[in-house]
Amino acid sequence: MPSTPESKKERCAICSGELRHTTITHEERRGENIYLFRNVPAQVCAACEEVWIEEATLQEIERLIQQGRPTSKVETPIYDFAILTLS
């Protein structure tokens, strides 16, 4: 039986919704450091919005954290909610 375009659609492992190829902004944390990656290829579920990133892409992100040079840096304000709400 020949496959149809409908049968080739990838489905979310969480809710079985349709996965759509797109690019996202992805955050990686290492200790107290936060690394932000723009334009990361990913699949996002149209139903539950779960994000799926391929292993090869995650490995490249890890390599960039270790050896890459960021395209820019930004200062990030940090608020300690516990301290601020006790006053």
PDB file of N, CA and C in Angstrom:
ATOM      1  N   MET A   1       0.850  -1.181   0.000  1.00  0.00           N
ATOM      2  CA  MET A   1       0.000   0.000   0.000  1.00  0.00           C
ATOM      3  C   MET A   1       0.895   1.243   0.000  1.00  0.00           C
ATOM      4  N   PRO A   2       0.724   2.155  -0.942  1.00  0.00           N
ATOM      5  CA  PRO A   2       1.559   3.353  -0.993  1.00  0.00           C
ATOM      6  C   PRO A   2       1.269   4.277   0.181  1.00  0.00           C
ATOM      7  N   SER A   3       2.321   4.981   0.622  1.00  0.00           N
ATOM      8  CA  SER A   3       2.131   5.900   1.740  1.00  0.00           C
ATOM      9  C   SER A   3       1.537   7.207   1.229  1.00  0.00           C
ATOM     10  N   THR A   4       0.758   7.820   2.080  1.00  0.00           N
ATOM     11  CA  THR A   4       0.133   9.090   1.731  1.00  0.00           C
ATOM     12  C   THR A   4       0.845  10.184   2.502  1.00  0.00           C
ATOM     13  N   PRO A   5       0.730  11.432   2.074  1.00  0.00           N
ATOM     14  CA  PRO A   5       1.353  12.532   2.834  1.00  0.00           C
ATOM     15  C   PRO A   5       0.904  12.541   4.290  1.00  0.00           C
ATOM     16  N   GLU A   6      -0.351  12.186   4.561  1.00  0.00           N
ATOM     17  CA  GLU A   6      -0.868  12.168   5.927  1.00  0.00           C
ATOM     18  C   GLU A   6      -0.114  11.153   6.784  1.00  0.00           C
ATOM     19  N   SER A   7       0.219   9.982   6.222  1.00  0.00           N
ATOM     20  CA  SER A   7       0.880   8.947   7.010  1.00  0.00           C
ATOM     21  C   SER A   7       2.338   9.286   7.297  1.00  0.00           C
ATOM     22  N   LYS A   8       2.936  10.209   6.540  1.00  0.00           N
ATOM     23  CA  LYS A   8       4.332  10.570   6.741  1.00  0.00           C
ATOM     24  C   LYS A   8       4.520  11.671   7.779  1.00  0.00           C
ATOM     25  N   LYS A   9       3.444  12.285   8.247  1.00  0.00           N
ATOM     26  CA  LYS A   9       3.563  13.351   9.240  1.00  0.00           C
ATOM     27  C   LYS A   9       4.106  12.781  10.537  1.00  0.00           C
ATOM     28  N   GLU A  10       5.054  13.496  11.102  1.00  0.00           N
ATOM     29  CA  GLU A  10       5.609  13.072  12.378  1.00  0.00           C
ATOM     30  C   GLU A  10       4.669  13.505  13.488  1.00  0.00           C
ATOM     31  N   ARG A  11       4.574  12.663  14.510  1.00  0.00           N
ATOM     32  CA  ARG A  11       3.645  12.905  15.602  1.00  0.00           C
ATOM     33  C   ARG A  11       4.370  13.068  16.927  1.00  0.00           C
ATOM     34  N   CYS A  12       3.804  13.876  17.791  1.00  0.00           N
ATOM     35  CA  CYS A  12       4.329  14.132  19.131  1.00  0.00           C
ATOM     36  C   CYS A  12       4.209  12.874  19.984  1.00  0.00           C
ATOM     37  N   ALA A  13       5.274  12.529  20.683  1.00  0.00           N
ATOM     38  CA  ALA A  13       5.263  11.360  21.568  1.00  0.00           C
ATOM     39  C   ALA A  13       4.444  11.620  22.833  1.00  0.00           C
ATOM     40  N   ILE A  14       4.151  12.866  23.129  1.00  0.00           N
ATOM     41  CA  ILE A  14       3.386  13.215  24.321  1.00  0.00           C
ATOM     42  C   ILE A  14       1.886  13.134  24.060  1.00  0.00           C
ATOM     43  N   CYS A  15       1.425  13.804  22.981  1.00  0.00           N
ATOM     44  CA  CYS A  15      -0.023  13.907  22.760  1.00  0.00           C
ATOM     45  C   CYS A  15      -0.482  13.431  21.385  1.00  0.00           C
ATOM     46  N   SER A  16       0.446  13.005  20.534  1.00  0.00           N
ATOM     47  CA  SER A  16       0.163  12.564  19.155  1.00  0.00           C
ATOM     48  C   SER A  16      -0.211  13.702  18.215  1.00  0.00           C
ATOM     49  N   GLY A  17      -0.001  14.940  18.646  1.00  0.00           N
ATOM     50  CA  GLY A  17      -0.245  16.074  17.760  1.00  0.00           C
ATOM     51  C   GLY A  17       0.784  16.117  16.641  1.00  0.00           C
ATOM     52  N   GLU A  18       0.514  16.912  15.639  1.00  0.00           N
ATOM     53  CA  GLU A  18       1.411  17.023  14.499  1.00  0.00           C
ATOM     54  C   GLU A  18       2.639  17.858  14.859  1.00  0.00           C
ATOM     55  N   LEU A  19       3.824  17.358  14.510  1.00  0.00           N
ATOM     56  CA  LEU A  19       5.065  18.096  14.718  1.00  0.00           C
ATOM     57  C   LEU A  19       5.345  18.960  13.499  1.00  0.00           C
ATOM     58  N   ARG A  20       5.728  20.208  13.755  1.00  0.00           N
ATOM     59  CA  ARG A  20       6.038  21.140  12.677  1.00  0.00           C
ATOM     60  C   ARG A  20       7.495  21.581  12.796  1.00  0.00           C
ATOM     61  N   HIS A  21       8.187  21.569  11.664  1.00  0.00           N
ATOM     62  CA  HIS A  21       9.578  22.032  11.627  1.00  0.00           C
ATOM     63  C   HIS A  21       9.596  23.551  11.687  1.00  0.00           C
ATOM     64  N   THR A  22      10.464  24.080  12.547  1.00  0.00           N
ATOM     65  CA  THR A  22      10.576  25.524  12.720  1.00  0.00           C
ATOM     66  C   THR A  22      11.933  25.838  13.320  1.00  0.00           C
ATOM     67  N   THR A  23      12.172  27.083  13.659  1.00  0.00           N
ATOM     68  CA  THR A  23      13.353  27.442  14.436  1.00  0.00           C
ATOM     69  C   THR A  23      12.871  28.116  15.716  1.00  0.00           C
ATOM     70  N   ILE A  24      13.640  27.917  16.781  1.00  0.00           N
ATOM     71  CA  ILE A  24      13.269  28.433  18.091  1.00  0.00           C
ATOM     72  C   ILE A  24      14.455  29.141  18.732  1.00  0.00           C
ATOM     73  N   THR A  25      14.189  29.835  19.824  1.00  0.00           N
ATOM     74  CA  THR A  25      15.237  30.331  20.703  1.00  0.00           C
ATOM     75  C   THR A  25      15.319  29.324  21.841  1.00  0.00           C
ATOM     76  N   HIS A  26      16.518  28.793  22.079  1.00  0.00           N
ATOM     77  CA  HIS A  26      16.713  27.710  23.041  1.00  0.00           C
ATOM     78  C   HIS A  26      17.664  28.159  24.148  1.00  0.00           C
ATOM     79  N   GLU A  27      17.344  27.816  25.370  1.00  0.00           N
ATOM     80  CA  GLU A  27      18.148  28.180  26.539  1.00  0.00           C
ATOM     81  C   GLU A  27      18.795  26.927  27.124  1.00  0.00           C
ATOM     82  N   GLU A  28      20.071  27.017  27.409  1.00  0.00           N
ATOM     83  CA  GLU A  28      20.811  25.943  28.092  1.00  0.00           C
ATOM     84  C   GLU A  28      21.397  26.518  29.365  1.00  0.00           C
ATOM     85  N   ARG A  29      21.291  25.800  30.464  1.00  0.00           N
ATOM     86  CA  ARG A  29      21.863  26.231  31.743  1.00  0.00           C
ATOM     87  C   ARG A  29      23.012  25.318  32.119  1.00  0.00           C
ATOM     88  N   ARG A  30      24.077  25.930  32.585  1.00  0.00           N
ATOM     89  CA  ARG A  30      25.243  25.209  33.108  1.00  0.00           C
ATOM     90  C   ARG A  30      25.626  25.895  34.404  1.00  0.00           C
ATOM     91  N   GLY A  31      25.265  25.308  35.540  1.00  0.00           N
ATOM     92  CA  GLY A  31      25.503  25.960  36.821  1.00  0.00           C
ATOM     93  C   GLY A  31      24.725  27.251  36.871  1.00  0.00           C
ATOM     94  N   GLU A  32      25.409  28.351  37.127  1.00  0.00           N
ATOM     95  CA  GLU A  32      24.750  29.653  37.165  1.00  0.00           C
ATOM     96  C   GLU A  32      24.784  30.361  35.820  1.00  0.00           C
ATOM     97  N   ASN A  33      25.364  29.741  34.809  1.00  0.00           N
ATOM     98  CA  ASN A  33      25.443  30.345  33.477  1.00  0.00           C
ATOM     99  C   ASN A  33      24.240  29.947  32.632  1.00  0.00           C
ATOM    100  N   ILE A  34      23.765  30.908  31.851  1.00  0.00           N
ATOM    101  CA  ILE A  34      22.675  30.665  30.911  1.00  0.00           C
ATOM    102  C   ILE A  34      23.203  30.982  29.516  1.00  0.00           C
ATOM    103  N   TYR A  35      23.018  30.049  28.597  1.00  0.00           N
ATOM    104  CA  TYR A  35      23.439  30.227  27.209  1.00  0.00           C
ATOM    105  C   TYR A  35      22.180  30.271  26.351  1.00  0.00           C
ATOM    106  N   LEU A  36      22.061  31.289  25.520  1.00  0.00           N
ATOM    107  CA  LEU A  36      20.885  31.478  24.688  1.00  0.00           C
ATOM    108  C   LEU A  36      21.265  31.271  23.236  1.00  0.00           C
ATOM    109  N   PHE A  37      20.519  30.434  22.548  1.00  0.00           N
ATOM    110  CA  PHE A  37      20.765  30.118  21.141  1.00  0.00           C
ATOM    111  C   PHE A  37      19.548  30.523  20.325  1.00  0.00           C
ATOM    112  N   ARG A  38      19.768  31.339  19.310  1.00  0.00           N
ATOM    113  CA  ARG A  38      18.692  31.751  18.408  1.00  0.00           C
ATOM    114  C   ARG A  38      18.715  30.887  17.159  1.00  0.00           C
ATOM    115  N   ASN A  39      17.576  30.777  16.526  1.00  0.00           N
ATOM    116  CA  ASN A  39      17.434  30.085  15.233  1.00  0.00           C
ATOM    117  C   ASN A  39      17.838  28.615  15.280  1.00  0.00           C
ATOM    118  N   VAL A  40      17.474  27.943  16.354  1.00  0.00           N
ATOM    119  CA  VAL A  40      17.780  26.522  16.518  1.00  0.00           C
ATOM    120  C   VAL A  40      16.709  25.708  15.786  1.00  0.00           C
ATOM    121  N   PRO A  41      17.122  24.812  14.878  1.00  0.00           N
ATOM    122  CA  PRO A  41      16.128  23.970  14.209  1.00  0.00           C
ATOM    123  C   PRO A  41      15.493  23.023  15.222  1.00  0.00           C
ATOM    124  N   ALA A  42      14.166  22.922  15.154  1.00  0.00           N
ATOM    125  CA  ALA A  42      13.437  22.072  16.090  1.00  0.00           C
ATOM    126  C   ALA A  42      12.109  21.676  15.472  1.00  0.00           C
ATOM    127  N   GLN A  43      11.449  20.765  16.155  1.00  0.00           N
ATOM    128  CA  GLN A  43      10.072  20.426  15.819  1.00  0.00           C
ATOM    129  C   GLN A  43       9.222  20.799  17.020  1.00  0.00           C
ATOM    130  N   VAL A  44       8.096  21.438  16.767  1.00  0.00           N
ATOM    131  CA  VAL A  44       7.205  21.866  17.833  1.00  0.00           C
ATOM    132  C   VAL A  44       5.829  21.270  17.564  1.00  0.00           C
ATOM    133  N   CYS A  45       5.240  20.705  18.604  1.00  0.00           N
ATOM    134  CA  CYS A  45       3.929  20.094  18.475  1.00  0.00           C
ATOM    135  C   CYS A  45       2.872  21.188  18.298  1.00  0.00           C
ATOM    136  N   ALA A  46       2.037  21.035  17.286  1.00  0.00           N
ATOM    137  CA  ALA A  46       0.979  22.008  17.020  1.00  0.00           C
ATOM    138  C   ALA A  46      -0.089  21.971  18.106  1.00  0.00           C
ATOM    139  N   ALA A  47      -0.215  20.860  18.834  1.00  0.00           N
ATOM    140  CA  ALA A  47      -1.258  20.734  19.846  1.00  0.00           C
ATOM    141  C   ALA A  47      -0.788  21.157  21.232  1.00  0.00           C
ATOM    142  N   CYS A  48       0.295  20.554  21.728  1.00  0.00           N
ATOM    143  CA  CYS A  48       0.720  20.809  23.116  1.00  0.00           C
ATOM    144  C   CYS A  48       1.954  21.699  23.223  1.00  0.00           C
ATOM    145  N   GLU A  49       2.557  22.052  22.084  1.00  0.00           N
ATOM    146  CA  GLU A  49       3.735  22.917  22.000  1.00  0.00           C
ATOM    147  C   GLU A  49       5.000  22.319  22.609  1.00  0.00           C
ATOM    148  N   GLU A  50       5.027  21.007  22.799  1.00  0.00           N
ATOM    149  CA  GLU A  50       6.255  20.327  23.230  1.00  0.00           C
ATOM    150  C   GLU A  50       7.313  20.546  22.151  1.00  0.00           C
ATOM    151  N   VAL A  51       8.566  20.758  22.572  1.00  0.00           N
ATOM    152  CA  VAL A  51       9.660  21.039  21.644  1.00  0.00           C
ATOM    153  C   VAL A  51      10.558  19.808  21.541  1.00  0.00           C
ATOM    154  N   TRP A  52      10.924  19.461  20.328  1.00  0.00           N
ATOM    155  CA  TRP A  52      11.813  18.331  20.060  1.00  0.00           C
ATOM    156  C   TRP A  52      13.018  18.845  19.273  1.00  0.00           C
ATOM    157  N   ILE A  53      14.217  18.611  19.821  1.00  0.00           N
ATOM    158  CA  ILE A  53      15.460  19.015  19.165  1.00  0.00           C
ATOM    159  C   ILE A  53      16.265  17.754  18.902  1.00  0.00           C
ATOM    160  N   GLU A  54      16.765  17.622  17.687  1.00  0.00           N
ATOM    161  CA  GLU A  54      17.529  16.427  17.321  1.00  0.00           C
ATOM    162  C   GLU A  54      18.827  16.336  18.112  1.00  0.00           C
ATOM    163  N   GLU A  55      19.266  15.124  18.343  1.00  0.00           N
ATOM    164  CA  GLU A  55      20.487  14.865  19.119  1.00  0.00           C
ATOM    165  C   GLU A  55      21.700  15.553  18.507  1.00  0.00           C
ATOM    166  N   ALA A  56      21.815  15.539  17.181  1.00  0.00           N
ATOM    167  CA  ALA A  56      22.957  16.187  16.521  1.00  0.00           C
ATOM    168  C   ALA A  56      22.964  17.687  16.797  1.00  0.00           C
ATOM    169  N   THR A  57      21.801  18.297  16.853  1.00  0.00           N
ATOM    170  CA  THR A  57      21.704  19.726  17.149  1.00  0.00           C
ATOM    171  C   THR A  57      22.111  19.995  18.589  1.00  0.00           C
ATOM    172  N   LEU A  58      21.666  19.142  19.508  1.00  0.00           N
ATOM    173  CA  LEU A  58      22.056  19.288  20.915  1.00  0.00           C
ATOM    174  C   LEU A  58      23.556  19.113  21.102  1.00  0.00           C
ATOM    175  N   GLN A  59      24.156  18.199  20.348  1.00  0.00           N
ATOM    176  CA  GLN A  59      25.605  18.010  20.418  1.00  0.00           C
ATOM    177  C   GLN A  59      26.336  19.252  19.907  1.00  0.00           C
ATOM    178  N   GLU A  60      25.808  19.883  18.863  1.00  0.00           N
ATOM    179  CA  GLU A  60      26.420  21.102  18.337  1.00  0.00           C
ATOM    180  C   GLU A  60      26.282  22.247  19.335  1.00  0.00           C
ATOM    181  N   ILE A  61      25.157  22.321  20.021  1.00  0.00           N
ATOM    182  CA  ILE A  61      24.974  23.324  21.071  1.00  0.00           C
ATOM    183  C   ILE A  61      26.015  23.120  22.162  1.00  0.00           C
ATOM    184  N   GLU A  62      26.233  21.899  22.562  1.00  0.00           N
ATOM    185  CA  GLU A  62      27.238  21.590  23.588  1.00  0.00           C
ATOM    186  C   GLU A  62      28.629  22.000  23.112  1.00  0.00           C
ATOM    187  N   ARG A  63      28.944  21.709  21.846  1.00  0.00           N
ATOM    188  CA  ARG A  63      30.248  22.088  21.290  1.00  0.00           C
ATOM    189  C   ARG A  63      30.410  23.608  21.298  1.00  0.00           C
ATOM    190  N   LEU A  64      29.353  24.321  20.930  1.00  0.00           N
ATOM    191  CA  LEU A  64      29.419  25.780  20.910  1.00  0.00           C
ATOM    192  C   LEU A  64      29.615  26.354  22.307  1.00  0.00           C
ATOM    193  N   ILE A  65      28.990  25.760  23.304  1.00  0.00           N
ATOM    194  CA  ILE A  65      29.188  26.212  24.686  1.00  0.00           C
ATOM    195  C   ILE A  65      30.650  26.051  25.081  1.00  0.00           C
ATOM    196  N   GLN A  66      31.250  24.938  24.687  1.00  0.00           N
ATOM    197  CA  GLN A  66      32.634  24.650  25.053  1.00  0.00           C
ATOM    198  C   GLN A  66      33.647  25.438  24.224  1.00  0.00           C
ATOM    199  N   GLN A  67      33.392  25.583  22.915  1.00  0.00           N
ATOM    200  CA  GLN A  67      34.427  26.101  22.012  1.00  0.00           C
ATOM    201  C   GLN A  67      34.006  27.301  21.173  1.00  0.00           C
ATOM    202  N   GLY A  68      32.739  27.575  21.092  1.00  0.00           N
ATOM    203  CA  GLY A  68      32.257  28.610  20.187  1.00  0.00           C
ATOM    204  C   GLY A  68      32.407  30.012  20.747  1.00  0.00           C
ATOM    205  N   ARG A  69      32.155  30.978  19.898  1.00  0.00           N
ATOM    206  CA  ARG A  69      32.161  32.387  20.291  1.00  0.00           C
ATOM    207  C   ARG A  69      30.746  32.930  20.114  1.00  0.00           C
ATOM    208  N   PRO A  70      30.204  33.547  21.137  1.00  0.00           N
ATOM    209  CA  PRO A  70      28.853  34.095  20.996  1.00  0.00           C
ATOM    210  C   PRO A  70      28.823  35.243  19.986  1.00  0.00           C
ATOM    211  N   THR A  71      27.696  35.402  19.330  1.00  0.00           N
ATOM    212  CA  THR A  71      27.540  36.499  18.376  1.00  0.00           C
ATOM    213  C   THR A  71      27.269  37.814  19.099  1.00  0.00           C
ATOM    214  N   SER A  72      26.775  37.740  20.335  1.00  0.00           N
ATOM    215  CA  SER A  72      26.577  38.931  21.153  1.00  0.00           C
ATOM    216  C   SER A  72      26.404  38.510  22.607  1.00  0.00           C
ATOM    217  N   LYS A  73      26.484  39.471  23.503  1.00  0.00           N
ATOM    218  CA  LYS A  73      26.256  39.235  24.927  1.00  0.00           C
ATOM    219  C   LYS A  73      25.315  40.310  25.428  1.00  0.00           C
ATOM    220  N   VAL A  74      24.473  39.936  26.401  1.00  0.00           N
ATOM    221  CA  VAL A  74      23.545  40.897  26.989  1.00  0.00           C
ATOM    222  C   VAL A  74      23.624  40.806  28.502  1.00  0.00           C
ATOM    223  N   GLU A  75      23.412  41.932  29.151  1.00  0.00           N
ATOM    224  CA  GLU A  75      23.350  41.948  30.599  1.00  0.00           C
ATOM    225  C   GLU A  75      21.924  41.562  30.991  1.00  0.00           C
ATOM    226  N   THR A  76      21.802  40.679  31.964  1.00  0.00           N
ATOM    227  CA  THR A  76      20.488  40.210  32.386  1.00  0.00           C
ATOM    228  C   THR A  76      20.221  40.597  33.829  1.00  0.00           C
ATOM    229  N   PRO A  77      19.159  41.364  34.083  1.00  0.00           N
ATOM    230  CA  PRO A  77      18.820  41.676  35.476  1.00  0.00           C
ATOM    231  C   PRO A  77      18.358  40.403  36.188  1.00  0.00           C
ATOM    232  N   ILE A  78      18.732  40.271  37.438  1.00  0.00           N
ATOM    233  CA  ILE A  78      18.343  39.103  38.239  1.00  0.00           C
ATOM    234  C   ILE A  78      17.583  39.596  39.457  1.00  0.00           C
ATOM    235  N   TYR A  79      16.422  39.026  39.679  1.00  0.00           N
ATOM    236  CA  TYR A  79      15.600  39.354  40.836  1.00  0.00           C
ATOM    237  C   TYR A  79      15.482  38.113  41.709  1.00  0.00           C
ATOM    238  N   ASP A  80      15.667  38.269  42.993  1.00  0.00           N
ATOM    239  CA  ASP A  80      15.471  37.161  43.931  1.00  0.00           C
ATOM    240  C   ASP A  80      14.080  37.324  44.527  1.00  0.00           C
ATOM    241  N   PHE A  81      13.150  36.571  44.020  1.00  0.00           N
ATOM    242  CA  PHE A  81      11.753  36.700  44.395  1.00  0.00           C
ATOM    243  C   PHE A  81      11.544  36.503  45.891  1.00  0.00           C
ATOM    244  N   ALA A  82      12.252  35.545  46.500  1.00  0.00           N
ATOM    245  CA  ALA A  82      12.097  35.273  47.927  1.00  0.00           C
ATOM    246  C   ALA A  82      12.482  36.493  48.763  1.00  0.00           C
ATOM    247  N   ILE A  83      13.562  37.137  48.405  1.00  0.00           N
ATOM    248  CA  ILE A  83      14.017  38.318  49.142  1.00  0.00           C
ATOM    249  C   ILE A  83      13.079  39.496  48.920  1.00  0.00           C
ATOM    250  N   LEU A  84      12.641  39.682  47.683  1.00  0.00           N
ATOM    251  CA  LEU A  84      11.807  40.829  47.336  1.00  0.00           C
ATOM    252  C   LEU A  84      10.414  40.736  47.945  1.00  0.00           C
ATOM    253  N   THR A  85       9.903  39.532  48.135  1.00  0.00           N
ATOM    254  CA  THR A  85       8.541  39.392  48.650  1.00  0.00           C
ATOM    255  C   THR A  85       8.499  39.405  50.177  1.00  0.00           C
ATOM    256  N   LEU A  86       9.653  39.295  50.834  1.00  0.00           N
ATOM    257  CA  LEU A  86       9.696  39.324  52.294  1.00  0.00           C
ATOM    258  C   LEU A  86       9.735  40.734  52.843  1.00  0.00           C
ATOM    259  N   SER A  87      10.039  41.711  51.992  1.00  0.00           N
ATOM    260  CA  SER A  87      10.173  43.088  52.493  1.00  0.00           C
ATOM    261  C   SER A  87       8.846  43.778  52.637  1.00  0.00           C
TER     262      SER A  87
END
